[in-house]
C-alpha atoms as a PDB file:
ATOM      1  CA  MET A   1      73.243  56.344 -80.824  1.00  0.00           C
ATOM      2  CA  MET A   2      75.043  53.627 -78.832  1.00  0.00           C
ATOM      3  CA  ASN A   3      72.674  54.057 -75.913  1.00  0.00           C
ATOM      4  CA  ILE A   4      69.695  53.655 -78.231  1.00  0.00           C
ATOM      5  CA  ARG A   5      71.197  50.455 -79.678  1.00  0.00           C
ATOM      6  CA  LYS A   6      71.903  49.086 -76.185  1.00  0.00           C
ATOM      7  CA  ARG A   7      68.409  49.883 -75.046  1.00  0.00           C
ATOM      8  CA  SER A   8      66.976  48.217 -78.148  1.00  0.00           C
ATOM      9  CA  MET A   9      69.046  45.091 -77.534  1.00  0.00           C
ATOM     10  CA  MET A  10      67.982  45.002 -73.875  1.00  0.00           C
ATOM     11  CA  VAL A  11      64.326  45.363 -74.827  1.00  0.00           C
ATOM     12  CA  ALA A  12      64.667  42.590 -77.413  1.00  0.00           C
ATOM     13  CA  ALA A  13      66.416  40.299 -74.913  1.00  0.00           C
ATOM     14  CA  LEU A  14      63.749  41.002 -72.329  1.00  0.00           C
ATOM     15  CA  GLY A  15      61.059  40.188 -74.895  1.00  0.00           C
ATOM     16  CA  VAL A  16      62.695  36.838 -75.647  1.00  0.00           C
ATOM     17  CA  ALA A  17      62.995  36.040 -71.932  1.00  0.00           C
ATOM     18  CA  LEU A  18      59.346  36.925 -71.336  1.00  0.00           C
ATOM     19  CA  SER A  19      58.310  34.830 -74.322  1.00  0.00           C
ATOM     20  CA  LEU A  20      60.258  31.819 -73.059  1.00  0.00           C
ATOM     21  CA  GLY A  21      58.902  32.331 -69.551  1.00  0.00           C
ATOM     22  CA  ALA A  22      55.369  32.442 -70.872  1.00  0.00           C
ATOM     23  CA  SER A  23      55.861  29.233 -72.827  1.00  0.00           C
ATOM     24  CA  LEU A  24      57.252  27.407 -69.802  1.00  0.00           C
ATOM     25  CA  ALA A  25      54.832  28.762 -67.208  1.00  0.00           C
ATOM     26  CA  PRO A  26      51.808  26.608 -68.054  1.00  0.00           C
ATOM     27  CA  ALA A  27      53.715  23.382 -67.427  1.00  0.00           C
ATOM     28  CA  GLN A  28      54.747  24.567 -63.987  1.00  0.00           C
ATOM     29  CA  GLU A  29      51.863  26.765 -62.887  1.00  0.00           C
ATOM     30  CA  ARG A  30      48.715  25.455 -64.553  1.00  0.00           C
ATOM     31  CA  THR A  31      45.940  23.965 -62.475  1.00  0.00           C
ATOM     32  CA  VAL A  32      45.210  20.271 -62.872  1.00  0.00           C
ATOM     33  CA  ARG A  33      41.585  19.288 -62.349  1.00  0.00           C
ATOM     34  CA  ILE A  34      40.509  15.965 -60.885  1.00  0.00           C
ATOM     35  CA  VAL A  35      36.881  15.301 -61.727  1.00  0.00           C
ATOM     36  CA  VAL A  36      34.813  13.196 -59.321  1.00  0.00           C
ATOM     37  CA  PRO A  37      31.551  12.196 -61.044  1.00  0.00           C
ATOM     38  CA  PHE A  38      29.624  12.132 -57.756  1.00  0.00           C
ATOM     39  CA  ALA A  39      28.471  14.669 -55.190  1.00  0.00           C
ATOM     40  CA  ALA A  40      30.814  16.018 -52.531  1.00  0.00           C
ATOM     41  CA  GLY A  41      30.924  14.224 -49.205  1.00  0.00           C
ATOM     42  CA  GLY A  42      30.917  10.612 -50.336  1.00  0.00           C
ATOM     43  CA  ALA A  43      33.712   8.061 -50.092  1.00  0.00           C
ATOM     44  CA  THR A  44      34.930   8.673 -53.652  1.00  0.00           C
ATOM     45  CA  ASP A  45      35.105  12.411 -53.082  1.00  0.00           C
ATOM     46  CA  ALA A  46      36.852  12.084 -49.706  1.00  0.00           C
ATOM     47  CA  LEU A  47      39.484   9.751 -51.107  1.00  0.00           C
ATOM     48  CA  ALA A  48      40.074  11.971 -54.147  1.00  0.00           C
ATOM     49  CA  ARG A  49      40.643  15.048 -51.984  1.00  0.00           C
ATOM     50  CA  THR A  50      43.022  13.271 -49.627  1.00  0.00           C
ATOM     51  CA  ILE A  51      45.119  12.040 -52.547  1.00  0.00           C
ATOM     52  CA  ALA A  52      44.977  15.409 -54.325  1.00  0.00           C
ATOM     53  CA  ASN A  53      46.564  17.147 -51.322  1.00  0.00           C
ATOM     54  CA  ARG A  54      49.618  14.923 -51.722  1.00  0.00           C
ATOM     55  CA  LEU A  55      49.577  14.625 -55.503  1.00  0.00           C
ATOM     56  CA  GLY A  56      49.923  18.352 -56.167  1.00  0.00           C
ATOM     57  CA  PRO A  57      53.388  18.701 -54.594  1.00  0.00           C
ATOM     58  CA  GLU A  58      54.574  15.526 -56.329  1.00  0.00           C
ATOM     59  CA  LEU A  59      53.511  16.886 -59.723  1.00  0.00           C
ATOM     60  CA  GLY A  60      54.676  20.391 -58.906  1.00  0.00           C
ATOM     61  CA  GLN A  61      51.257  21.715 -59.937  1.00  0.00           C
ATOM     62  CA  ASN A  62      48.124  23.102 -58.345  1.00  0.00           C
ATOM     63  CA  ILE A  63      45.319  20.550 -58.133  1.00  0.00           C
ATOM     64  CA  ILE A  64      41.635  21.112 -57.556  1.00  0.00           C
ATOM     65  CA  VAL A  65      38.907  18.491 -57.183  1.00  0.00           C
ATOM     66  CA  GLU A  66      35.705  19.211 -59.087  1.00  0.00           C
ATOM     67  CA  ASN A  67      32.453  17.368 -58.430  1.00  0.00           C
ATOM     68  CA  LYS A  68      30.341  16.807 -61.534  1.00  0.00           C
ATOM     69  CA  PRO A  69      27.569  14.494 -60.315  1.00  0.00           C
ATOM     70  CA  GLY A  70      24.598  13.199 -62.205  1.00  0.00           C
ATOM     71  CA  ALA A  71      23.196  10.169 -64.012  1.00  0.00           C
ATOM     72  CA  GLY A  72      25.109   7.677 -61.875  1.00  0.00           C
ATOM     73  CA  GLY A  73      28.457   9.208 -62.798  1.00  0.00           C
ATOM     74  CA  GLN A  74      27.836   9.579 -66.529  1.00  0.00           C
ATOM     75  CA  ILE A  75      27.938  13.375 -66.610  1.00  0.00           C
ATOM     76  CA  GLY A  76      31.373  13.753 -65.045  1.00  0.00           C
ATOM     77  CA  THR A  77      32.794  10.815 -66.963  1.00  0.00           C
ATOM     78  CA  ALA A  78      31.565  12.135 -70.312  1.00  0.00           C
ATOM     79  CA  PHE A  79      33.013  15.537 -69.411  1.00  0.00           C
ATOM     80  CA  VAL A  80      36.483  14.072 -68.986  1.00  0.00           C
ATOM     81  CA  LYS A  81      36.167  12.163 -72.250  1.00  0.00           C
ATOM     82  CA  GLY A  82      35.743  15.503 -74.042  1.00  0.00           C
ATOM     83  CA  ALA A  83      38.431  17.350 -72.060  1.00  0.00           C
ATOM     84  CA  PRO A  84      41.861  18.242 -73.530  1.00  0.00           C
ATOM     85  CA  ALA A  85      44.208  15.247 -73.491  1.00  0.00           C
ATOM     86  CA  ASP A  86      47.094  17.338 -72.195  1.00  0.00           C
ATOM     87  CA  GLY A  87      47.358  16.237 -68.560  1.00  0.00           C
ATOM     88  CA  SER A  88      45.171  19.054 -67.255  1.00  0.00           C
ATOM     89  CA  VAL A  89      42.062  16.951 -66.494  1.00  0.00           C
ATOM     90  CA  TYR A  90      41.758  13.511 -64.892  1.00  0.00           C
ATOM     91  CA  LEU A  91      38.832  11.383 -63.729  1.00  0.00           C
ATOM     92  CA  PHE A  92      38.714   9.619 -60.359  1.00  0.00           C
ATOM     93  CA  THR A  93      36.012   6.990 -60.052  1.00  0.00           C
ATOM     94  CA  PRO A  94      35.196   3.406 -59.127  1.00  0.00           C
ATOM     95  CA  ASP A  95      35.258   1.013 -62.073  1.00  0.00           C
ATOM     96  CA  HIS A  96      31.466   0.628 -62.265  1.00  0.00           C
ATOM     97  CA  THR A  97      31.064   4.127 -63.707  1.00  0.00           C
ATOM     98  CA  ILE A  98      33.446   3.608 -66.577  1.00  0.00           C
ATOM     99  CA  VAL A  99      33.278  -0.099 -67.491  1.00  0.00           C
ATOM    100  CA  THR A 100      29.734  -1.145 -66.527  1.00  0.00           C
ATOM    101  CA  ILE A 101      27.465   1.823 -67.211  1.00  0.00           C
ATOM    102  CA  PRO A 102      28.051   1.744 -70.992  1.00  0.00           C
ATOM    103  CA  HIS A 103      26.429  -1.722 -70.911  1.00  0.00           C
ATOM    104  CA  LEU A 104      23.505  -0.534 -68.789  1.00  0.00           C
ATOM    105  CA  VAL A 105      22.626   2.697 -70.571  1.00  0.00           C
ATOM    106  CA  ALA A 106      21.965   2.905 -74.294  1.00  0.00           C
ATOM    107  CA  ASN A 107      23.398   6.412 -74.679  1.00  0.00           C
ATOM    108  CA  ALA A 108      26.009   6.692 -71.950  1.00  0.00           C
ATOM    109  CA  GLY A 109      28.106   8.984 -74.150  1.00  0.00           C
ATOM    110  CA  TYR A 110      31.371   7.085 -73.796  1.00  0.00           C
ATOM    111  CA  GLU A 111      33.045   3.694 -74.098  1.00  0.00           C
ATOM    112  CA  ALA A 112      35.658   2.456 -71.643  1.00  0.00           C
ATOM    113  CA  LEU A 113      38.685   1.403 -73.681  1.00  0.00           C
ATOM    114  CA  LYS A 114      37.897   3.555 -76.697  1.00  0.00           C
ATOM    115  CA  ASP A 115      37.708   6.836 -74.800  1.00  0.00           C
ATOM    116  CA  PHE A 116      39.954   6.499 -71.728  1.00  0.00           C
ATOM    117  CA  VAL A 117      43.376   5.417 -70.542  1.00  0.00           C
ATOM    118  CA  ALA A 118      43.965   4.208 -66.966  1.00  0.00           C
ATOM    119  CA  VAL A 119      46.799   6.111 -65.294  1.00  0.00           C
ATOM    120  CA  GLY A 120      46.837   4.483 -61.865  1.00  0.00           C
ATOM    121  CA  GLN A 121      44.764   2.356 -59.557  1.00  0.00           C
ATOM    122  CA  VAL A 122      44.388   3.366 -55.909  1.00  0.00           C
ATOM    123  CA  ALA A 123      42.409   0.706 -54.056  1.00  0.00           C
ATOM    124  CA  ARG A 124      40.168  -2.276 -54.642  1.00  0.00           C
ATOM    125  CA  PHE A 125      37.215  -3.623 -52.738  1.00  0.00           C
ATOM    126  CA  PRO A 126      34.828  -6.592 -52.906  1.00  0.00           C
ATOM    127  CA  LEU A 127      31.064  -6.507 -52.888  1.00  0.00           C
ATOM    128  CA  ALA A 128      29.364  -8.037 -49.874  1.00  0.00           C
ATOM    129  CA  LEU A 129      26.107  -9.907 -49.424  1.00  0.00           C
ATOM    130  CA  ALA A 130      24.761  -8.578 -46.125  1.00  0.00           C
ATOM    131  CA  VAL A 131      21.946 -10.665 -44.663  1.00  0.00           C
ATOM    132  CA  SER A 132      19.208  -9.247 -42.479  1.00  0.00           C
ATOM    133  CA  PRO A 133      18.982 -10.585 -38.894  1.00  0.00           C
ATOM    134  CA  SER A 134      15.246 -10.993 -39.564  1.00  0.00           C
ATOM    135  CA  THR A 135      16.102 -14.046 -41.681  1.00  0.00           C
ATOM    136  CA  GLY A 136      17.837 -15.790 -38.790  1.00  0.00           C
ATOM    137  CA  ALA A 137      20.721 -16.609 -41.150  1.00  0.00           C
ATOM    138  CA  LYS A 138      24.362 -15.730 -40.615  1.00  0.00           C
ATOM    139  CA  THR A 139      25.962 -17.761 -43.400  1.00  0.00           C
ATOM    140  CA  LEU A 140      25.243 -18.154 -47.098  1.00  0.00           C
ATOM    141  CA  PRO A 141      24.088 -21.793 -46.769  1.00  0.00           C
ATOM    142  CA  ALA A 142      21.687 -20.761 -44.013  1.00  0.00           C
ATOM    143  CA  PHE A 143      20.463 -17.826 -46.096  1.00  0.00           C
ATOM    144  CA  ALA A 144      19.919 -20.149 -49.065  1.00  0.00           C
ATOM    145  CA  ALA A 145      17.792 -22.384 -46.843  1.00  0.00           C
ATOM    146  CA  TYR A 146      15.780 -19.346 -45.725  1.00  0.00           C
ATOM    147  CA  LEU A 147      15.142 -18.293 -49.326  1.00  0.00           C
ATOM    148  CA  LYS A 148      13.896 -21.763 -50.265  1.00  0.00           C
ATOM    149  CA  ALA A 149      11.553 -21.786 -47.275  1.00  0.00           C
ATOM    150  CA  ASN A 150      10.394 -18.176 -47.828  1.00  0.00           C
ATOM    151  CA  PRO A 151      10.449 -17.465 -51.579  1.00  0.00           C
ATOM    152  CA  GLY A 152       8.029 -14.579 -51.153  1.00  0.00           C
ATOM    153  CA  LYS A 153      10.603 -12.757 -49.018  1.00  0.00           C
ATOM    154  CA  ALA A 154      13.539 -13.258 -51.401  1.00  0.00           C
ATOM    155  CA  THR A 155      14.686  -9.653 -51.803  1.00  0.00           C
ATOM    156  CA  TYR A 156      17.980  -7.812 -51.888  1.00  0.00           C
ATOM    157  CA  GLY A 157      18.630  -4.090 -51.672  1.00  0.00           C
ATOM    158  CA  VAL A 158      20.986  -2.468 -54.184  1.00  0.00           C
ATOM    159  CA  PRO A 159      22.276   1.087 -54.764  1.00  0.00           C
ATOM    160  CA  VAL A 160      21.282   0.774 -58.430  1.00  0.00           C
ATOM    161  CA  VAL A 161      19.565  -1.875 -60.525  1.00  0.00           C
ATOM    162  CA  GLY A 162      21.992  -3.401 -63.005  1.00  0.00           C
ATOM    163  CA  GLY A 163      25.726  -4.017 -62.958  1.00  0.00           C
ATOM    164  CA  PHE A 164      27.680  -5.930 -60.352  1.00  0.00           C
ATOM    165  CA  PRO A 165      25.209  -5.792 -57.413  1.00  0.00           C
ATOM    166  CA  SER A 166      22.457  -7.228 -59.591  1.00  0.00           C
ATOM    167  CA  THR A 167      24.882  -9.787 -61.032  1.00  0.00           C
ATOM    168  CA  VAL A 168      25.548 -11.037 -57.499  1.00  0.00           C
ATOM    169  CA  GLY A 169      21.838 -11.226 -56.676  1.00  0.00           C
ATOM    170  CA  THR A 170      21.090 -13.063 -59.919  1.00  0.00           C
ATOM    171  CA  ALA A 171      23.905 -15.562 -59.304  1.00  0.00           C
ATOM    172  CA  VAL A 172      22.626 -16.320 -55.797  1.00  0.00           C
ATOM    173  CA  ALA A 173      19.051 -16.707 -57.036  1.00  0.00           C
ATOM    174  CA  ARG A 174      20.118 -19.059 -59.840  1.00  0.00           C
ATOM    175  CA  LYS A 175      22.212 -21.217 -57.505  1.00  0.00           C
ATOM    176  CA  VAL A 176      19.477 -21.431 -54.864  1.00  0.00           C
ATOM    177  CA  GLY A 177      16.708 -21.889 -57.411  1.00  0.00           C
ATOM    178  CA  VAL A 178      14.537 -19.056 -56.113  1.00  0.00           C
ATOM    179  CA  SER A 179      13.626 -15.843 -57.917  1.00  0.00           C
ATOM    180  CA  MET A 180      15.022 -12.836 -56.032  1.00  0.00           C
ATOM    181  CA  VAL A 181      13.724  -9.280 -56.400  1.00  0.00           C
ATOM    182  CA  ALA A 182      16.236  -6.404 -56.568  1.00  0.00           C
ATOM    183  CA  VAL A 183      15.011  -3.398 -54.587  1.00  0.00           C
ATOM    184  CA  PRO A 184      16.835  -0.143 -55.512  1.00  0.00           C
ATOM    185  CA  PHE A 185      17.636   2.460 -52.883  1.00  0.00           C
ATOM    186  CA  ALA A 186      19.205   5.905 -53.045  1.00  0.00           C
ATOM    187  CA  GLY A 187      22.737   4.678 -52.442  1.00  0.00           C
ATOM    188  CA  SER A 188      24.589   1.870 -50.697  1.00  0.00           C
ATOM    189  CA  GLY A 189      23.982   3.217 -47.192  1.00  0.00           C
ATOM    190  CA  PRO A 190      20.178   3.061 -47.412  1.00  0.00           C
ATOM    191  CA  ALA A 191      20.373  -0.382 -49.039  1.00  0.00           C
ATOM    192  CA  VAL A 192      22.302  -1.821 -46.079  1.00  0.00           C
ATOM    193  CA  MET A 193      20.187   0.037 -43.522  1.00  0.00           C
ATOM    194  CA  ASN A 194      17.021  -1.454 -44.985  1.00  0.00           C
ATOM    195  CA  ALA A 195      18.530  -4.914 -44.671  1.00  0.00           C
ATOM    196  CA  ALA A 196      19.375  -4.152 -41.051  1.00  0.00           C
ATOM    197  CA  GLY A 197      15.801  -3.029 -40.479  1.00  0.00           C
ATOM    198  CA  GLY A 198      14.334  -6.162 -42.051  1.00  0.00           C
ATOM    199  CA  HIS A 199      12.676  -4.306 -44.940  1.00  0.00           C
ATOM    200  CA  VAL A 200      14.653  -6.473 -47.379  1.00  0.00           C
ATOM    201  CA  ALA A 201      16.142  -9.894 -46.712  1.00  0.00           C
ATOM    202  CA  SER A 202      19.625  -8.852 -47.780  1.00  0.00           C
ATOM    203  CA  SER A 203      21.661  -6.228 -49.600  1.00  0.00           C
ATOM    204  CA  VAL A 204      24.542  -6.226 -52.073  1.00  0.00           C
ATOM    205  CA  THR A 205      26.915  -3.282 -51.739  1.00  0.00           C
ATOM    206  CA  GLY A 206      30.588  -2.512 -51.357  1.00  0.00           C
ATOM    207  CA  LEU A 207      32.092  -4.196 -48.315  1.00  0.00           C
ATOM    208  CA  ALA A 208      32.986  -0.823 -46.802  1.00  0.00           C
ATOM    209  CA  ASP A 209      29.317   0.175 -46.783  1.00  0.00           C
ATOM    210  CA  ALA A 210      28.201  -2.983 -44.970  1.00  0.00           C
ATOM    211  CA  LEU A 211      31.105  -3.331 -42.541  1.00  0.00           C
ATOM    212  CA  PRO A 212      30.031  -0.797 -39.860  1.00  0.00           C
ATOM    213  CA  LEU A 213      26.607  -2.410 -39.484  1.00  0.00           C
ATOM    214  CA  ALA A 214      28.162  -5.875 -39.529  1.00  0.00           C
ATOM    215  CA  LYS A 215      30.510  -4.906 -36.692  1.00  0.00           C
ATOM    216  CA  ALA A 216      27.513  -3.599 -34.767  1.00  0.00           C
ATOM    217  CA  GLY A 217      25.695  -6.907 -35.282  1.00  0.00           C
ATOM    218  CA  GLN A 218      22.937  -5.302 -37.336  1.00  0.00           C
ATOM    219  CA  VAL A 219      23.621  -7.367 -40.467  1.00  0.00           C
ATOM    220  CA  HIS A 220      25.587 -10.534 -41.168  1.00  0.00           C
ATOM    221  CA  ILE A 221      28.003 -10.559 -44.092  1.00  0.00           C
ATOM    222  CA  ALA A 222      27.561 -13.990 -45.650  1.00  0.00           C
ATOM    223  CA  ALA A 223      30.013 -13.813 -48.561  1.00  0.00           C
ATOM    224  CA  ILE A 224      32.106 -11.436 -50.642  1.00  0.00           C
ATOM    225  CA  THR A 225      33.148 -11.277 -54.281  1.00  0.00           C
ATOM    226  CA  GLY A 226      36.730 -11.645 -55.471  1.00  0.00           C
ATOM    227  CA  THR A 227      39.353 -14.358 -55.549  1.00  0.00           C
ATOM    228  CA  ARG A 228      40.494 -14.078 -51.945  1.00  0.00           C
ATOM    229  CA  ARG A 229      39.132 -13.184 -48.526  1.00  0.00           C
ATOM    230  CA  SER A 230      39.289  -9.610 -47.312  1.00  0.00           C
ATOM    231  CA  SER A 231      42.031  -8.623 -44.887  1.00  0.00           C
ATOM    232  CA  VAL A 232      39.491  -6.553 -42.929  1.00  0.00           C
ATOM    233  CA  LEU A 233      37.040  -9.472 -42.576  1.00  0.00           C
ATOM    234  CA  PRO A 234      39.092 -12.653 -43.003  1.00  0.00           C
ATOM    235  CA  GLU A 235      36.483 -14.966 -41.484  1.00  0.00           C
ATOM    236  CA  VAL A 236      34.011 -14.340 -44.319  1.00  0.00           C
ATOM    237  CA  PRO A 237      34.365 -16.679 -47.337  1.00  0.00           C
ATOM    238  CA  THR A 238      34.211 -15.698 -50.976  1.00  0.00           C
ATOM    239  CA  PHE A 239      31.309 -16.758 -53.158  1.00  0.00           C
ATOM    240  CA  ASP A 240      33.738 -18.872 -55.131  1.00  0.00           C
ATOM    241  CA  GLU A 241      34.690 -20.851 -51.999  1.00  0.00           C
ATOM    242  CA  LEU A 242      31.025 -21.634 -51.454  1.00  0.00           C
ATOM    243  CA  GLY A 243      30.419 -22.806 -55.003  1.00  0.00           C
ATOM    244  CA  TYR A 244      28.803 -19.639 -56.366  1.00  0.00           C
ATOM    245  CA  LEU A 245      30.949 -19.260 -59.465  1.00  0.00           C
ATOM    246  CA  GLY A 246      31.426 -16.250 -61.717  1.00  0.00           C
ATOM    247  CA  LEU A 247      31.710 -13.702 -58.897  1.00  0.00           C
ATOM    248  CA  ASP A 248      35.486 -13.511 -58.735  1.00  0.00           C
ATOM    249  CA  ALA A 249      35.764  -9.868 -59.810  1.00  0.00           C
ATOM    250  CA  ASN A 250      36.507  -6.955 -57.489  1.00  0.00           C
ATOM    251  CA  SER A 251      35.615  -3.304 -57.796  1.00  0.00           C
ATOM    252  CA  TRP A 252      38.328  -0.668 -57.611  1.00  0.00           C
ATOM    253  CA  TYR A 253      39.106   3.040 -57.574  1.00  0.00           C
ATOM    254  CA  ALA A 254      41.398   4.471 -60.240  1.00  0.00           C
ATOM    255  CA  PHE A 255      42.427   7.586 -62.142  1.00  0.00           C
ATOM    256  CA  PHE A 256      41.680   7.901 -65.853  1.00  0.00           C
ATOM    257  CA  ALA A 257      42.490  10.411 -68.591  1.00  0.00           C
ATOM    258  CA  PRO A 258      41.215  11.059 -72.113  1.00  0.00           C
ATOM    259  CA  LYS A 259      42.491   8.365 -74.467  1.00  0.00           C
ATOM    260  CA  ALA A 260      44.925  10.610 -76.383  1.00  0.00           C
ATOM    261  CA  LEU A 261      46.966  11.553 -73.291  1.00  0.00           C
ATOM    262  CA  PRO A 262      50.675  11.359 -74.273  1.00  0.00           C
ATOM    263  CA  ALA A 263      52.514   8.374 -72.802  1.00  0.00           C
ATOM    264  CA  ALA A 264      55.076  10.626 -71.090  1.00  0.00           C
ATOM    265  CA  ALA A 265      52.318  12.557 -69.295  1.00  0.00           C
ATOM    266  CA  ALA A 266      50.639   9.326 -68.222  1.00  0.00           C
ATOM    267  CA  GLN A 267      53.913   7.997 -66.846  1.00  0.00           C
ATOM    268  CA  GLN A 268      54.648  11.224 -64.982  1.00  0.00           C
ATOM    269  CA  PHE A 269      51.202  11.192 -63.385  1.00  0.00           C
ATOM    270  CA  ASN A 270      51.481   7.545 -62.372  1.00  0.00           C
ATOM    271  CA  GLN A 271      54.878   8.021 -60.731  1.00  0.00           C
ATOM    272  CA  ALA A 272      53.630  11.058 -58.802  1.00  0.00           C
ATOM    273  CA  LEU A 273      50.489   9.172 -57.758  1.00  0.00           C
ATOM    274  CA  ARG A 274      52.427   6.222 -56.360  1.00  0.00           C
ATOM    275  CA  LYS A 275      54.604   8.575 -54.319  1.00  0.00           C
ATOM    276  CA  ALA A 276      51.556  10.470 -53.068  1.00  0.00           C
ATOM    277  CA  MET A 277      49.898   7.256 -51.948  1.00  0.00           C
ATOM    278  CA  GLU A 278      52.762   6.478 -49.587  1.00  0.00           C
ATOM    279  CA  ALA A 279      51.790   9.459 -47.429  1.00  0.00           C
ATOM    280  CA  PRO A 280      50.492   8.348 -44.001  1.00  0.00           C
ATOM    281  CA  ASP A 281      47.231  10.284 -44.282  1.00  0.00           C
ATOM    282  CA  VAL A 282      46.430   8.684 -47.646  1.00  0.00           C
ATOM    283  CA  ARG A 283      47.065   5.199 -46.319  1.00  0.00           C
ATOM    284  CA  GLN A 284      44.995   6.006 -43.225  1.00  0.00           C
ATOM    285  CA  LYS A 285      42.065   7.244 -45.322  1.00  0.00           C
ATOM    286  CA  ILE A 286      42.103   3.994 -47.311  1.00  0.00           C
ATOM    287  CA  ALA A 287      42.193   2.016 -44.062  1.00  0.00           C
ATOM    288  CA  ASP A 288      39.328   4.091 -42.643  1.00  0.00           C
ATOM    289  CA  LEU A 289      37.229   3.235 -45.687  1.00  0.00           C
ATOM    290  CA  SER A 290      37.930  -0.497 -45.165  1.00  0.00           C
ATOM    291  CA  ILE A 291      39.248  -0.890 -48.692  1.00  0.00           C
ATOM    292  CA  GLU A 292      42.481  -2.481 -49.865  1.00  0.00           C
ATOM    293  CA  PHE A 293      45.528  -0.325 -50.579  1.00  0.00           C
ATOM    294  CA  ALA A 294      46.358  -1.225 -54.199  1.00  0.00           C
ATOM    295  CA  PRO A 295      48.618   1.181 -56.114  1.00  0.00           C
ATOM    296  CA  THR A 296      49.710   0.066 -59.561  1.00  0.00           C
ATOM    297  CA  THR A 297      52.216   0.879 -62.249  1.00  0.00           C
ATOM    298  CA  LEU A 298      50.905   2.324 -65.486  1.00  0.00           C
ATOM    299  CA  ALA A 299      51.075  -1.087 -67.169  1.00  0.00           C
ATOM    300  CA  GLU A 300      49.293  -2.810 -64.268  1.00  0.00           C
ATOM    301  CA  ALA A 301      46.535  -0.204 -64.253  1.00  0.00           C
ATOM    302  CA  GLU A 302      45.946  -0.617 -67.971  1.00  0.00           C
ATOM    303  CA  ALA A 303      45.942  -4.424 -67.689  1.00  0.00           C
ATOM    304  CA  GLU A 304      43.300  -4.362 -64.932  1.00  0.00           C
ATOM    305  CA  PHE A 305      41.265  -1.831 -66.904  1.00  0.00           C
ATOM    306  CA  LYS A 306      41.262  -4.110 -69.942  1.00  0.00           C
ATOM    307  CA  ALA A 307      40.429  -7.157 -67.832  1.00  0.00           C
ATOM    308  CA  ALA A 308      37.469  -5.399 -66.219  1.00  0.00           C
ATOM    309  CA  ALA A 309      36.198  -4.172 -69.580  1.00  0.00           C
ATOM    310  CA  ALA A 310      36.444  -7.708 -70.982  1.00  0.00           C
ATOM    311  CA  TYR A 311      34.620  -9.124 -67.930  1.00  0.00           C
ATOM    312  CA  TRP A 312      31.666  -6.772 -68.401  1.00  0.00           C
ATOM    313  CA  ASP A 313      31.639  -7.128 -72.178  1.00  0.00           C
ATOM    314  CA  LYS A 314      31.131 -10.857 -71.650  1.00  0.00           C
ATOM    315  CA  ALA A 315      28.680 -10.437 -68.761  1.00  0.00           C
ATOM    316  CA  ALA A 316      26.510  -8.056 -70.780  1.00  0.00           C
ATOM    317  CA  GLN A 317      26.021 -10.729 -73.428  1.00  0.00           C
ATOM    318  CA  GLN A 318      24.544 -13.218 -70.978  1.00  0.00           C
ATOM    319  CA  PRO A 319      20.753 -13.639 -71.000  1.00  0.00           C
ATOM    320  CA  ASP A 320      20.445 -13.000 -67.248  1.00  0.00           C
ATOM    321  CA  PHE A 321      22.436  -9.745 -67.272  1.00  0.00           C
ATOM    322  CA  VAL A 322      20.277  -7.245 -65.378  1.00  0.00           C
ATOM    323  CA  ARG A 323      19.613  -3.814 -66.878  1.00  0.00           C
ATOM    324  CA  PRO A 324      17.541  -1.013 -65.341  1.00  0.00           C
END
């Protein structure tokens, strides 16, 4: 009788232990997914995977990077919006996807501040106006003179019509007083290459995309966006310095989560991210991409997110805002 009672108590205790273990296991052993809304192999994907390798140990969780490309990033972004807000799914993307696309597409399926919370910025980068050698211009004033003398050749290549690249082209055209035609290409690389080949007079892309060709002398970077010069190309002025106002924004990479993510989970992720970014290979990857190392606290990330959303809310109301 006593043995039966002992065995029953042992079985009950084991059941409680297994129950507790099961309830604790997901927090320690679950897989966290980082969604990249673009195809594998690009700069966003490469940066996400480098960070993920370091982020997993800091969080004490397994991390996988999932590519969900399509519709300029809309598919992956909308997927994360609808994911559980429990710290199991995050989005890694440049700001354009999340703050600009809702103003370019009537049915994007999400809104920036309504549907997402920023949990940590990683890096920021300016856009660059790369001028074709076929124009004979190396500076923005010289390029402006070329456009006035050759209005029929006033073109600029962009990775997509609408958003920040088109805003830059429109601002230049307005300042110079010449109508410029945006020519879309299948990505930033082809846009810059076509400027190098003289098929378009210029291109507007991320600085990192134009820098290799600029170093090779195949294009000339005439100006960049933002409030200060780039540390990787300090001799190039900003548009603001040259009197082209309204182009003082930068683009940036950041992590986002569904809006209802608990504050404690957001804080835990941000702290782990900042530690992961101190790893030498992460810093080297950012340097290799010619972008600026820019980790943030949770509060800083949210402030920049709100500022970017406000910038594009205002820009989208202007009569010369370019949509596809």
